[in-house]
PDB file of all heavy atoms in Angstrom:
ATOM      1  N   ALA A   1      17.663   2.501   8.726  1.00  0.00           N
ATOM      2  CA  ALA A   1      18.695   1.799   7.980  1.00  0.00           C
ATOM      3  C   ALA A   1      19.701   1.139   8.900  1.00  0.00           C
ATOM      4  O   ALA A   1      20.293   0.123   8.561  1.00  0.00           O
ATOM      5  CB  ALA A   1      19.418   2.762   7.047  1.00  0.00           C
ATOM      6  N   ASP A   2      19.898   1.663  10.079  1.00  0.00           N
ATOM      7  CA  ASP A   2      20.895   1.106  10.989  1.00  0.00           C
ATOM      8  C   ASP A   2      20.397  -0.128  11.719  1.00  0.00           C
ATOM      9  O   ASP A   2      21.178  -1.026  12.015  1.00  0.00           O
ATOM     10  CB  ASP A   2      21.311   2.160  12.011  1.00  0.00           C
ATOM     11  CG  ASP A   2      22.127   3.256  11.368  1.00  0.00           C
ATOM     12  OD1 ASP A   2      22.646   3.016  10.273  1.00  0.00           O
ATOM     13  OD2 ASP A   2      22.218   4.351  11.961  1.00  0.00           O
ATOM     14  N   VAL A   3      19.096  -0.203  12.029  1.00  0.00           N
ATOM     15  CA  VAL A   3      18.611  -1.293  12.888  1.00  0.00           C
ATOM     16  C   VAL A   3      17.661  -2.234  12.167  1.00  0.00           C
ATOM     17  O   VAL A   3      17.285  -3.258  12.710  1.00  0.00           O
ATOM     18  CB  VAL A   3      17.903  -0.721  14.137  1.00  0.00           C
ATOM     19  CG1 VAL A   3      18.870   0.097  14.931  1.00  0.00           C
ATOM     20  CG2 VAL A   3      16.703   0.102  13.736  1.00  0.00           C
ATOM     21  N   VAL A   4      17.249  -1.927  10.970  1.00  0.00           N
ATOM     22  CA  VAL A   4      16.229  -2.718  10.296  1.00  0.00           C
ATOM     23  C   VAL A   4      16.653  -2.981   8.870  1.00  0.00           C
ATOM     24  O   VAL A   4      17.187  -2.096   8.203  1.00  0.00           O
ATOM     25  CB  VAL A   4      14.853  -1.996  10.325  1.00  0.00           C
ATOM     26  CG1 VAL A   4      13.818  -2.785   9.550  1.00  0.00           C
ATOM     27  CG2 VAL A   4      14.397  -1.794  11.741  1.00  0.00           C
ATOM     28  N   ASP A   5      16.399  -4.178   8.411  1.00  0.00           N
ATOM     29  CA  ASP A   5      16.558  -4.482   6.992  1.00  0.00           C
ATOM     30  C   ASP A   5      15.277  -4.108   6.300  1.00  0.00           C
ATOM     31  O   ASP A   5      14.221  -4.729   6.533  1.00  0.00           O
ATOM     32  CB  ASP A   5      16.844  -5.974   6.805  1.00  0.00           C
ATOM     33  CG  ASP A   5      17.066  -6.338   5.351  1.00  0.00           C
ATOM     34  OD1 ASP A   5      17.025  -5.412   4.519  1.00  0.00           O
ATOM     35  OD2 ASP A   5      17.266  -7.534   5.066  1.00  0.00           O
ATOM     36  N   PRO A   6      15.256  -3.126   5.443  1.00  0.00           N
ATOM     37  CA  PRO A   6      13.994  -2.647   4.870  1.00  0.00           C
ATOM     38  C   PRO A   6      13.317  -3.687   4.016  1.00  0.00           C
ATOM     39  O   PRO A   6      12.125  -3.573   3.719  1.00  0.00           O
ATOM     40  CB  PRO A   6      14.398  -1.405   4.062  1.00  0.00           C
ATOM     41  CG  PRO A   6      15.843  -1.583   3.789  1.00  0.00           C
ATOM     42  CD  PRO A   6      16.393  -2.339   4.955  1.00  0.00           C
ATOM     43  N   THR A   7      14.017  -4.752   3.567  1.00  0.00           N
ATOM     44  CA  THR A   7      13.380  -5.786   2.723  1.00  0.00           C
ATOM     45  C   THR A   7      12.838  -6.944   3.533  1.00  0.00           C
ATOM     46  O   THR A   7      12.158  -7.830   2.991  1.00  0.00           O
ATOM     47  CB  THR A   7      14.414  -6.317   1.718  1.00  0.00           C
ATOM     48  OG1 THR A   7      15.504  -6.904   2.446  1.00  0.00           O
ATOM     49  CG2 THR A   7      14.940  -5.189   0.838  1.00  0.00           C
ATOM     50  N   ALA A   8      13.148  -6.946   4.837  1.00  0.00           N
ATOM     51  CA  ALA A   8      12.681  -8.063   5.671  1.00  0.00           C
ATOM     52  C   ALA A   8      11.243  -7.850   6.089  1.00  0.00           C
ATOM     53  O   ALA A   8      10.813  -6.720   6.300  1.00  0.00           O
ATOM     54  CB  ALA A   8      13.576  -8.193   6.899  1.00  0.00           C
ATOM     55  N   GLN A   9      10.484  -8.983   6.212  1.00  0.00           N
ATOM     56  CA  GLN A   9       9.109  -8.940   6.644  1.00  0.00           C
ATOM     57  C   GLN A   9       8.950  -9.874   7.832  1.00  0.00           C
ATOM     58  O   GLN A   9       9.525 -10.960   7.866  1.00  0.00           O
ATOM     59  CB  GLN A   9       8.150  -9.371   5.533  1.00  0.00           C
ATOM     60  CG  GLN A   9       8.183  -8.451   4.317  1.00  0.00           C
ATOM     61  CD  GLN A   9       7.194  -8.885   3.253  1.00  0.00           C
ATOM     62  OE1 GLN A   9       6.411  -9.815   3.488  1.00  0.00           O
ATOM     63  NE2 GLN A   9       7.240  -8.219   2.127  1.00  0.00           N
ATOM     64  N   SER A  10       8.183  -9.492   8.814  1.00  0.00           N
ATOM     65  CA  SER A  10       7.904 -10.348   9.967  1.00  0.00           C
ATOM     66  C   SER A  10       6.847 -11.382   9.617  1.00  0.00           C
ATOM     67  O   SER A  10       6.111 -11.242   8.649  1.00  0.00           O
ATOM     68  CB  SER A  10       7.461  -9.496  11.150  1.00  0.00           C
ATOM     69  OG  SER A  10       6.286  -8.798  10.832  1.00  0.00           O
ATOM     70  N   ASP A  11       6.778 -12.447  10.425  1.00  0.00           N
ATOM     71  CA  ASP A  11       5.841 -13.519  10.140  1.00  0.00           C
ATOM     72  C   ASP A  11       4.414 -13.056  10.246  1.00  0.00           C
ATOM     73  O   ASP A  11       3.527 -13.555   9.519  1.00  0.00           O
ATOM     74  CB  ASP A  11       6.082 -14.680  11.127  1.00  0.00           C
ATOM     75  CG  ASP A  11       7.444 -15.307  10.903  1.00  0.00           C
ATOM     76  OD1 ASP A  11       7.989 -15.140   9.790  1.00  0.00           O
ATOM     77  OD2 ASP A  11       7.975 -15.916  11.854  1.00  0.00           O
ATOM     78  N   ASP A  12       4.114 -12.161  11.125  1.00  0.00           N
ATOM     79  CA  ASP A  12       2.728 -11.711  11.324  1.00  0.00           C
ATOM     80  C   ASP A  12       2.511 -10.312  10.754  1.00  0.00           C
ATOM     81  O   ASP A  12       1.731  -9.543  11.268  1.00  0.00           O
ATOM     82  CB  ASP A  12       2.380 -11.713  12.807  1.00  0.00           C
ATOM     83  CG  ASP A  12       3.362 -10.917  13.613  1.00  0.00           C
ATOM     84  OD1 ASP A  12       4.390 -10.477  13.030  1.00  0.00           O
ATOM     85  OD2 ASP A  12       3.114 -10.723  14.821  1.00  0.00           O
ATOM     86  N   SER A  13       3.245  -9.983   9.651  1.00  0.00           N
ATOM     87  CA  SER A  13       3.083  -8.646   9.066  1.00  0.00           C
ATOM     88  C   SER A  13       1.752  -8.466   8.403  1.00  0.00           C
ATOM     89  O   SER A  13       1.262  -7.361   8.250  1.00  0.00           O
ATOM     90  CB  SER A  13       4.220  -8.371   8.056  1.00  0.00           C
ATOM     91  OG  SER A  13       4.169  -9.338   7.029  1.00  0.00           O
ATOM     92  N   ALA A  14       1.127  -9.564   7.967  1.00  0.00           N
ATOM     93  CA  ALA A  14      -0.177  -9.436   7.300  1.00  0.00           C
ATOM     94  C   ALA A  14      -1.268  -9.522   8.339  1.00  0.00           C
ATOM     95  O   ALA A  14      -1.851 -10.593   8.559  1.00  0.00           O
ATOM     96  CB  ALA A  14      -0.331 -10.514   6.228  1.00  0.00           C
ATOM     97  N   GLY A  15      -1.573  -8.530   8.997  1.00  0.00           N
ATOM     98  CA  GLY A  15      -2.664  -8.519   9.964  1.00  0.00           C
ATOM     99  C   GLY A  15      -2.215  -8.831  11.351  1.00  0.00           C
ATOM    100  O   GLY A  15      -2.841  -9.626  12.036  1.00  0.00           O
ATOM    101  N   HIS A  16      -1.121  -8.332  11.809  1.00  0.00           N
ATOM    102  CA  HIS A  16      -0.622  -8.554  13.161  1.00  0.00           C
ATOM    103  C   HIS A  16      -1.469  -7.775  14.160  1.00  0.00           C
ATOM    104  O   HIS A  16      -1.833  -6.640  13.936  1.00  0.00           O
ATOM    105  CB  HIS A  16       0.833  -8.078  13.258  1.00  0.00           C
ATOM    106  CG  HIS A  16       1.366  -8.086  14.657  1.00  0.00           C
ATOM    107  ND1 HIS A  16       1.699  -9.254  15.278  1.00  0.00           N
ATOM    108  CD2 HIS A  16       1.595  -7.084  15.527  1.00  0.00           C
ATOM    109  CE1 HIS A  16       2.128  -8.979  16.496  1.00  0.00           C
ATOM    110  NE2 HIS A  16       2.072  -7.643  16.666  1.00  0.00           N
ATOM    111  N   SER A  17      -1.812  -8.483  15.268  1.00  0.00           N
ATOM    112  CA  SER A  17      -2.564  -7.825  16.324  1.00  0.00           C
ATOM    113  C   SER A  17      -2.096  -8.371  17.646  1.00  0.00           C
ATOM    114  O   SER A  17      -1.586  -9.493  17.732  1.00  0.00           O
ATOM    115  CB  SER A  17      -4.076  -8.023  16.158  1.00  0.00           C
ATOM    116  OG  SER A  17      -4.404  -9.397  16.254  1.00  0.00           O
ATOM    117  N   GLY A  18      -2.280  -7.674  18.683  1.00  0.00           N
ATOM    118  CA  GLY A  18      -1.859  -8.111  20.002  1.00  0.00           C
ATOM    119  C   GLY A  18      -1.348  -6.945  20.795  1.00  0.00           C
ATOM    120  O   GLY A  18      -1.104  -5.882  20.253  1.00  0.00           O
ATOM    121  N   ASP A  19      -1.234  -7.209  22.119  1.00  0.00           N
ATOM    122  CA  ASP A  19      -0.783  -6.131  22.969  1.00  0.00           C
ATOM    123  C   ASP A  19       0.603  -6.398  23.517  1.00  0.00           C
ATOM    124  O   ASP A  19       1.021  -5.786  24.483  1.00  0.00           O
ATOM    125  CB  ASP A  19      -1.761  -5.908  24.115  1.00  0.00           C
ATOM    126  CG  ASP A  19      -2.052  -7.212  24.855  1.00  0.00           C
ATOM    127  OD1 ASP A  19      -1.464  -8.246  24.456  1.00  0.00           O
ATOM    128  OD2 ASP A  19      -2.833  -7.161  25.785  1.00  0.00           O
ATOM    129  N   SER A  20       1.327  -7.332  22.931  1.00  0.00           N
ATOM    130  CA  SER A  20       2.699  -7.567  23.356  1.00  0.00           C
ATOM    131  C   SER A  20       3.636  -6.619  22.645  1.00  0.00           C
ATOM    132  O   SER A  20       3.444  -6.318  21.473  1.00  0.00           O
ATOM    133  CB  SER A  20       3.109  -9.017  23.070  1.00  0.00           C
ATOM    134  OG  SER A  20       3.010  -9.281  21.689  1.00  0.00           O
ATOM    135  N   THR A  21       4.643  -6.221  23.359  1.00  0.00           N
ATOM    136  CA  THR A  21       5.600  -5.281  22.794  1.00  0.00           C
ATOM    137  C   THR A  21       6.761  -6.027  22.193  1.00  0.00           C
ATOM    138  O   THR A  21       7.308  -6.927  22.823  1.00  0.00           O
ATOM    139  CB  THR A  21       6.128  -4.339  23.880  1.00  0.00           C
ATOM    140  OG1 THR A  21       5.024  -3.683  24.476  1.00  0.00           O
ATOM    141  CG2 THR A  21       7.100  -3.318  23.298  1.00  0.00           C
ATOM    142  N   PRO A  22       7.187  -5.748  20.951  1.00  0.00           N
ATOM    143  CA  PRO A  22       8.302  -6.466  20.321  1.00  0.00           C
ATOM    144  C   PRO A  22       9.560  -6.270  21.145  1.00  0.00           C
ATOM    145  O   PRO A  22       9.788  -5.232  21.761  1.00  0.00           O
ATOM    146  CB  PRO A  22       8.429  -5.829  18.936  1.00  0.00           C
ATOM    147  CG  PRO A  22       7.102  -5.171  18.701  1.00  0.00           C
ATOM    148  CD  PRO A  22       6.612  -4.761  20.041  1.00  0.00           C
ATOM    149  N   ASP A  23      10.399  -7.332  21.166  1.00  0.00           N
ATOM    150  CA  ASP A  23      11.666  -7.272  21.881  1.00  0.00           C
ATOM    151  C   ASP A  23      12.725  -6.545  21.083  1.00  0.00           C
ATOM    152  O   ASP A  23      13.764  -6.186  21.642  1.00  0.00           O
ATOM    153  CB  ASP A  23      12.154  -8.695  22.221  1.00  0.00           C
ATOM    154  CG  ASP A  23      11.208  -9.400  23.170  1.00  0.00           C
ATOM    155  OD1 ASP A  23      10.553  -8.673  23.960  1.00  0.00           O
ATOM    156  OD2 ASP A  23      11.127 -10.622  23.090  1.00  0.00           O
ATOM    157  N   VAL A  24      12.501  -6.366  19.786  1.00  0.00           N
ATOM    158  CA  VAL A  24      13.470  -5.690  18.929  1.00  0.00           C
ATOM    159  C   VAL A  24      12.869  -4.388  18.458  1.00  0.00           C
ATOM    160  O   VAL A  24      11.658  -4.199  18.542  1.00  0.00           O
ATOM    161  CB  VAL A  24      13.845  -6.581  17.708  1.00  0.00           C
ATOM    162  CG1 VAL A  24      14.552  -7.827  18.181  1.00  0.00           C
ATOM    163  CG2 VAL A  24      12.631  -6.920  16.877  1.00  0.00           C
ATOM    164  N   PRO A  25      13.681  -3.489  17.955  1.00  0.00           N
ATOM    165  CA  PRO A  25      13.124  -2.228  17.427  1.00  0.00           C
ATOM    166  C   PRO A  25      12.077  -2.487  16.381  1.00  0.00           C
ATOM    167  O   PRO A  25      12.113  -3.470  15.635  1.00  0.00           O
ATOM    168  CB  PRO A  25      14.346  -1.509  16.843  1.00  0.00           C
ATOM    169  CG  PRO A  25      15.491  -2.062  17.621  1.00  0.00           C
ATOM    170  CD  PRO A  25      15.138  -3.500  17.903  1.00  0.00           C
ATOM    171  N   VAL A  26      11.142  -1.554  16.274  1.00  0.00           N
ATOM    172  CA  VAL A  26       9.998  -1.722  15.388  1.00  0.00           C
ATOM    173  C   VAL A  26      10.475  -1.901  13.964  1.00  0.00           C
ATOM    174  O   VAL A  26      11.275  -1.121  13.458  1.00  0.00           O
ATOM    175  CB  VAL A  26       9.068  -0.500  15.496  1.00  0.00           C
ATOM    176  CG1 VAL A  26       7.895  -0.651  14.553  1.00  0.00           C
ATOM    177  CG2 VAL A  26       8.579  -0.347  16.928  1.00  0.00           C
ATOM    178  N   GLN A  27       9.984  -2.951  13.288  1.00  0.00           N
ATOM    179  CA  GLN A  27      10.325  -3.221  11.910  1.00  0.00           C
ATOM    180  C   GLN A  27       9.262  -2.665  10.995  1.00  0.00           C
ATOM    181  O   GLN A  27       8.098  -2.535  11.363  1.00  0.00           O
ATOM    182  CB  GLN A  27      10.477  -4.721  11.682  1.00  0.00           C
ATOM    183  CG  GLN A  27      11.605  -5.361  12.493  1.00  0.00           C
ATOM    184  CD  GLN A  27      11.699  -6.842  12.216  1.00  0.00           C
ATOM    185  OE1 GLN A  27      10.829  -7.398  11.557  1.00  0.00           O
ATOM    186  NE2 GLN A  27      12.755  -7.469  12.721  1.00  0.00           N
ATOM    187  N   GLN A  28       9.662  -2.412   9.753  1.00  0.00           N
ATOM    188  CA  GLN A  28       8.705  -1.930   8.767  1.00  0.00           C
ATOM    189  C   GLN A  28       7.854  -3.081   8.286  1.00  0.00           C
ATOM    190  O   GLN A  28       8.374  -4.162   7.961  1.00  0.00           O
ATOM    191  CB  GLN A  28       9.431  -1.317   7.581  1.00  0.00           C
ATOM    192  CG  GLN A  28      10.058   0.033   7.905  1.00  0.00           C
ATOM    193  CD  GLN A  28      10.746   0.619   6.695  1.00  0.00           C
ATOM    194  OE1 GLN A  28      11.429  -0.106   5.989  1.00  0.00           O
ATOM    195  NE2 GLN A  28      10.542   1.885   6.459  1.00  0.00           N
ATOM    196  N   SER A  29       6.580  -2.864   8.221  1.00  0.00           N
ATOM    197  CA  SER A  29       5.666  -3.868   7.687  1.00  0.00           C
ATOM    198  C   SER A  29       5.665  -3.806   6.181  1.00  0.00           C
ATOM    199  O   SER A  29       6.280  -2.939   5.571  1.00  0.00           O
ATOM    200  CB  SER A  29       4.259  -3.633   8.243  1.00  0.00           C
ATOM    201  OG  SER A  29       3.766  -2.388   7.799  1.00  0.00           O
ATOM    202  N   ALA A  30       4.938  -4.735   5.583  1.00  0.00           N
ATOM    203  CA  ALA A  30       4.844  -4.746   4.122  1.00  0.00           C
ATOM    204  C   ALA A  30       4.202  -3.468   3.609  1.00  0.00           C
ATOM    205  O   ALA A  30       4.556  -2.940   2.561  1.00  0.00           O
ATOM    206  CB  ALA A  30       4.044  -5.976   3.667  1.00  0.00           C
ATOM    207  N   ALA A  31       3.212  -2.974   4.377  1.00  0.00           N
ATOM    208  CA  ALA A  31       2.577  -1.719   3.965  1.00  0.00           C
ATOM    209  C   ALA A  31       3.528  -0.551   4.088  1.00  0.00           C
ATOM    210  O   ALA A  31       3.519   0.386   3.308  1.00  0.00           O
ATOM    211  CB  ALA A  31       1.313  -1.470   4.799  1.00  0.00           C
ATOM    212  N   ALA A  32       4.394  -0.621   5.113  1.00  0.00           N
ATOM    213  CA  ALA A  32       5.328   0.488   5.326  1.00  0.00           C
ATOM    214  C   ALA A  32       6.390   0.543   4.248  1.00  0.00           C
ATOM    215  O   ALA A  32       6.892   1.608   3.905  1.00  0.00           O
ATOM    216  CB  ALA A  32       5.977   0.361   6.690  1.00  0.00           C
ATOM    217  N   THR A  33       6.770  -0.629   3.711  1.00  0.00           N
ATOM    218  CA  THR A  33       7.783  -0.630   2.671  1.00  0.00           C
ATOM    219  C   THR A  33       7.314   0.041   1.411  1.00  0.00           C
ATOM    220  O   THR A  33       8.104   0.526   0.618  1.00  0.00           O
ATOM    221  CB  THR A  33       8.211  -2.068   2.369  1.00  0.00           C
ATOM    222  OG1 THR A  33       7.056  -2.817   1.971  1.00  0.00           O
ATOM    223  CG2 THR A  33       8.848  -2.712   3.585  1.00  0.00           C
ATOM    224  N   SER A  34       5.993   0.036   1.210  1.00  0.00           N
ATOM    225  CA  SER A  34       5.469   0.698   0.008  1.00  0.00           C
ATOM    226  C   SER A  34       5.262   2.188   0.196  1.00  0.00           C
ATOM    227  O   SER A  34       5.036   2.913  -0.747  1.00  0.00           O
ATOM    228  CB  SER A  34       4.143   0.047  -0.409  1.00  0.00           C
ATOM    229  OG  SER A  34       3.188   0.218   0.624  1.00  0.00           O
ATOM    230  N   ALA A  35       5.297   2.652   1.460  1.00  0.00           N
ATOM    231  CA  ALA A  35       5.118   4.093   1.723  1.00  0.00           C
ATOM    232  C   ALA A  35       6.392   4.846   1.380  1.00  0.00           C
ATOM    233  O   ALA A  35       7.493   4.327   1.534  1.00  0.00           O
ATOM    234  CB  ALA A  35       4.762   4.311   3.197  1.00  0.00           C
ATOM    235  N   PRO A  36       6.257   6.059   0.906  1.00  0.00           N
ATOM    236  CA  PRO A  36       7.458   6.828   0.556  1.00  0.00           C
ATOM    237  C   PRO A  36       8.260   7.188   1.785  1.00  0.00           C
ATOM    238  O   PRO A  36       7.716   7.664   2.784  1.00  0.00           O
ATOM    239  CB  PRO A  36       6.891   8.080  -0.137  1.00  0.00           C
ATOM    240  CG  PRO A  36       5.512   8.216   0.422  1.00  0.00           C
ATOM    241  CD  PRO A  36       5.022   6.804   0.662  1.00  0.00           C
ATOM    242  N   VAL A  37       9.528   6.897   1.751  1.00  0.00           N
ATOM    243  CA  VAL A  37      10.420   7.195   2.867  1.00  0.00           C
ATOM    244  C   VAL A  37      11.261   8.408   2.492  1.00  0.00           C
ATOM    245  O   VAL A  37      11.893   8.420   1.429  1.00  0.00           O
ATOM    246  CB  VAL A  37      11.337   5.995   3.168  1.00  0.00           C
ATOM    247  CG1 VAL A  37      12.281   6.330   4.319  1.00  0.00           C
ATOM    248  CG2 VAL A  37      10.496   4.777   3.492  1.00  0.00           C
ATOM    249  N   PRO A  38      11.226   9.449   3.292  1.00  0.00           N
ATOM    250  CA  PRO A  38      12.014  10.647   2.946  1.00  0.00           C
ATOM    251  C   PRO A  38      13.487  10.319   2.874  1.00  0.00           C
ATOM    252  O   PRO A  38      14.037   9.679   3.765  1.00  0.00           O
ATOM    253  CB  PRO A  38      11.703  11.623   4.090  1.00  0.00           C
ATOM    254  CG  PRO A  38      11.253  10.759   5.223  1.00  0.00           C
ATOM    255  CD  PRO A  38      10.559   9.580   4.602  1.00  0.00           C
ATOM    256  N   GLN A  39      14.084  10.731   1.797  1.00  0.00           N
ATOM    257  CA  GLN A  39      15.499  10.495   1.576  1.00  0.00           C
ATOM    258  C   GLN A  39      16.325  11.603   2.204  1.00  0.00           C
ATOM    259  O   GLN A  39      15.963  12.772   2.146  1.00  0.00           O
ATOM    260  CB  GLN A  39      15.803  10.420   0.068  1.00  0.00           C
ATOM    261  CG  GLN A  39      15.044   9.331  -0.657  1.00  0.00           C
ATOM    262  CD  GLN A  39      15.493   7.945  -0.220  1.00  0.00           C
ATOM    263  OE1 GLN A  39      16.662   7.751   0.093  1.00  0.00           O
ATOM    264  NE2 GLN A  39      14.575   6.994  -0.194  1.00  0.00           N
ATOM    265  N   ARG A  40      17.442  11.211   2.772  1.00  0.00           N
ATOM    266  CA  ARG A  40      18.338  12.201   3.345  1.00  0.00           C
ATOM    267  C   ARG A  40      19.073  12.929   2.234  1.00  0.00           C
ATOM    268  O   ARG A  40      19.624  12.293   1.325  1.00  0.00           O
ATOM    269  CB  ARG A  40      19.339  11.517   4.265  1.00  0.00           C
ATOM    270  CG  ARG A  40      20.275  12.485   4.969  1.00  0.00           C
ATOM    271  CD  ARG A  40      21.305  11.725   5.749  1.00  0.00           C
ATOM    272  NE  ARG A  40      22.205  12.648   6.418  1.00  0.00           N
ATOM    273  CZ  ARG A  40      23.328  12.273   7.005  1.00  0.00           C
ATOM    274  NH1 ARG A  40      23.695  11.009   6.991  1.00  0.00           N
ATOM    275  NH2 ARG A  40      24.092  13.165   7.606  1.00  0.00           N
ATOM    276  N   GLN A  41      19.052  14.243   2.292  1.00  0.00           N
ATOM    277  CA  GLN A  41      19.699  15.039   1.255  1.00  0.00           C
ATOM    278  C   GLN A  41      21.205  14.964   1.419  1.00  0.00           C
ATOM    279  O   GLN A  41      21.746  15.275   2.470  1.00  0.00           O
ATOM    280  CB  GLN A  41      19.247  16.501   1.333  1.00  0.00           C
ATOM    281  CG  GLN A  41      19.808  17.355   0.204  1.00  0.00           C
ATOM    282  CD  GLN A  41      19.259  18.750   0.268  1.00  0.00           C
ATOM    283  OE1 GLN A  41      18.515  19.070   1.180  1.00  0.00           O
ATOM    284  NE2 GLN A  41      19.615  19.569  -0.699  1.00  0.00           N
ATOM    285  N   GLN A  42      21.857  14.486   0.367  1.00  0.00           N
ATOM    286  CA  GLN A  42      23.302  14.347   0.407  1.00  0.00           C
ATOM    287  C   GLN A  42      23.964  15.692   0.137  1.00  0.00           C
ATOM    288  O   GLN A  42      23.502  16.449  -0.712  1.00  0.00           O
ATOM    289  CB  GLN A  42      23.769  13.331  -0.641  1.00  0.00           C
ATOM    290  CG  GLN A  42      23.222  11.936  -0.399  1.00  0.00           C
ATOM    291  CD  GLN A  42      23.768  11.321   0.888  1.00  0.00           C
ATOM    292  OE1 GLN A  42      24.851  11.696   1.310  1.00  0.00           O
ATOM    293  NE2 GLN A  42      23.011  10.421   1.495  1.00  0.00           N
ATOM    294  N   PRO A  43      25.013  16.015   0.834  1.00  0.00           N
ATOM    295  CA  PRO A  43      25.708  17.297   0.568  1.00  0.00           C
ATOM    296  C   PRO A  43      26.337  17.288  -0.811  1.00  0.00           C
ATOM    297  O   PRO A  43      26.701  16.251  -1.343  1.00  0.00           O
ATOM    298  CB  PRO A  43      26.771  17.356   1.674  1.00  0.00           C
ATOM    299  CG  PRO A  43      26.994  15.932   2.062  1.00  0.00           C
ATOM    300  CD  PRO A  43      25.664  15.231   1.899  1.00  0.00           C
ATOM    301  N   ASP A  44      26.414  18.493  -1.385  1.00  0.00           N
ATOM    302  CA  ASP A  44      27.025  18.615  -2.702  1.00  0.00           C
ATOM    303  C   ASP A  44      28.478  18.202  -2.632  1.00  0.00           C
ATOM    304  O   ASP A  44      29.229  18.652  -1.759  1.00  0.00           O
ATOM    305  CB  ASP A  44      26.909  20.070  -3.205  1.00  0.00           C
ATOM    306  CG  ASP A  44      25.462  20.462  -3.407  1.00  0.00           C
ATOM    307  OD1 ASP A  44      24.639  19.531  -3.597  1.00  0.00           O
ATOM    308  OD2 ASP A  44      25.169  21.676  -3.352  1.00  0.00           O
ATOM    309  N   ARG A  45      28.863  17.363  -3.550  1.00  0.00           N
ATOM    310  CA  ARG A  45      30.247  16.901  -3.590  1.00  0.00           C
ATOM    311  C   ARG A  45      30.959  17.589  -4.741  1.00  0.00           C
ATOM    312  O   ARG A  45      30.390  17.739  -5.815  1.00  0.00           O
ATOM    313  CB  ARG A  45      30.300  15.386  -3.768  1.00  0.00           C
ATOM    314  CG  ARG A  45      29.518  14.630  -2.711  1.00  0.00           C
ATOM    315  CD  ARG A  45      29.547  13.155  -2.946  1.00  0.00           C
ATOM    316  NE  ARG A  45      30.404  12.479  -1.994  1.00  0.00           N
ATOM    317  CZ  ARG A  45      30.665  11.187  -2.030  1.00  0.00           C
ATOM    318  NH1 ARG A  45      30.159  10.453  -2.986  1.00  0.00           N
ATOM    319  NH2 ARG A  45      31.448  10.635  -1.125  1.00  0.00           N
ATOM    320  N   PRO A  46      32.147  17.967  -4.541  1.00  0.00           N
ATOM    321  CA  PRO A  46      32.881  18.623  -5.641  1.00  0.00           C
ATOM    322  C   PRO A  46      33.117  17.643  -6.766  1.00  0.00           C
ATOM    323  O   PRO A  46      33.351  16.450  -6.561  1.00  0.00           O
ATOM    324  CB  PRO A  46      34.197  19.042  -4.972  1.00  0.00           C
ATOM    325  CG  PRO A  46      34.337  18.142  -3.782  1.00  0.00           C
ATOM    326  CD  PRO A  46      32.939  17.834  -3.323  1.00  0.00           C
ATOM    327  N   SER A  47      32.999  18.177  -7.967  1.00  0.00           N
ATOM    328  CA  SER A  47      33.213  17.339  -9.138  1.00  0.00           C
ATOM    329  C   SER A  47      34.693  17.031  -9.292  1.00  0.00           C
ATOM    330  O   SER A  47      35.556  17.616  -8.642  1.00  0.00           O
ATOM    331  CB  SER A  47      32.694  18.052 -10.390  1.00  0.00           C
ATOM    332  OG  SER A  47      33.398  19.245 -10.579  1.00  0.00           O
TER     333      SER A  47
END
């Protein structure tokens, strides 16, 4: 959440291949956005 926009997709997300390393932190692909992402458990807040 801090370094990636989860709704953004890269240009070569549909079948990207190659041995070059991205200059930016790894982004979620279209397939990754559909995978369940564990949610951080929020502490109980007083009512």
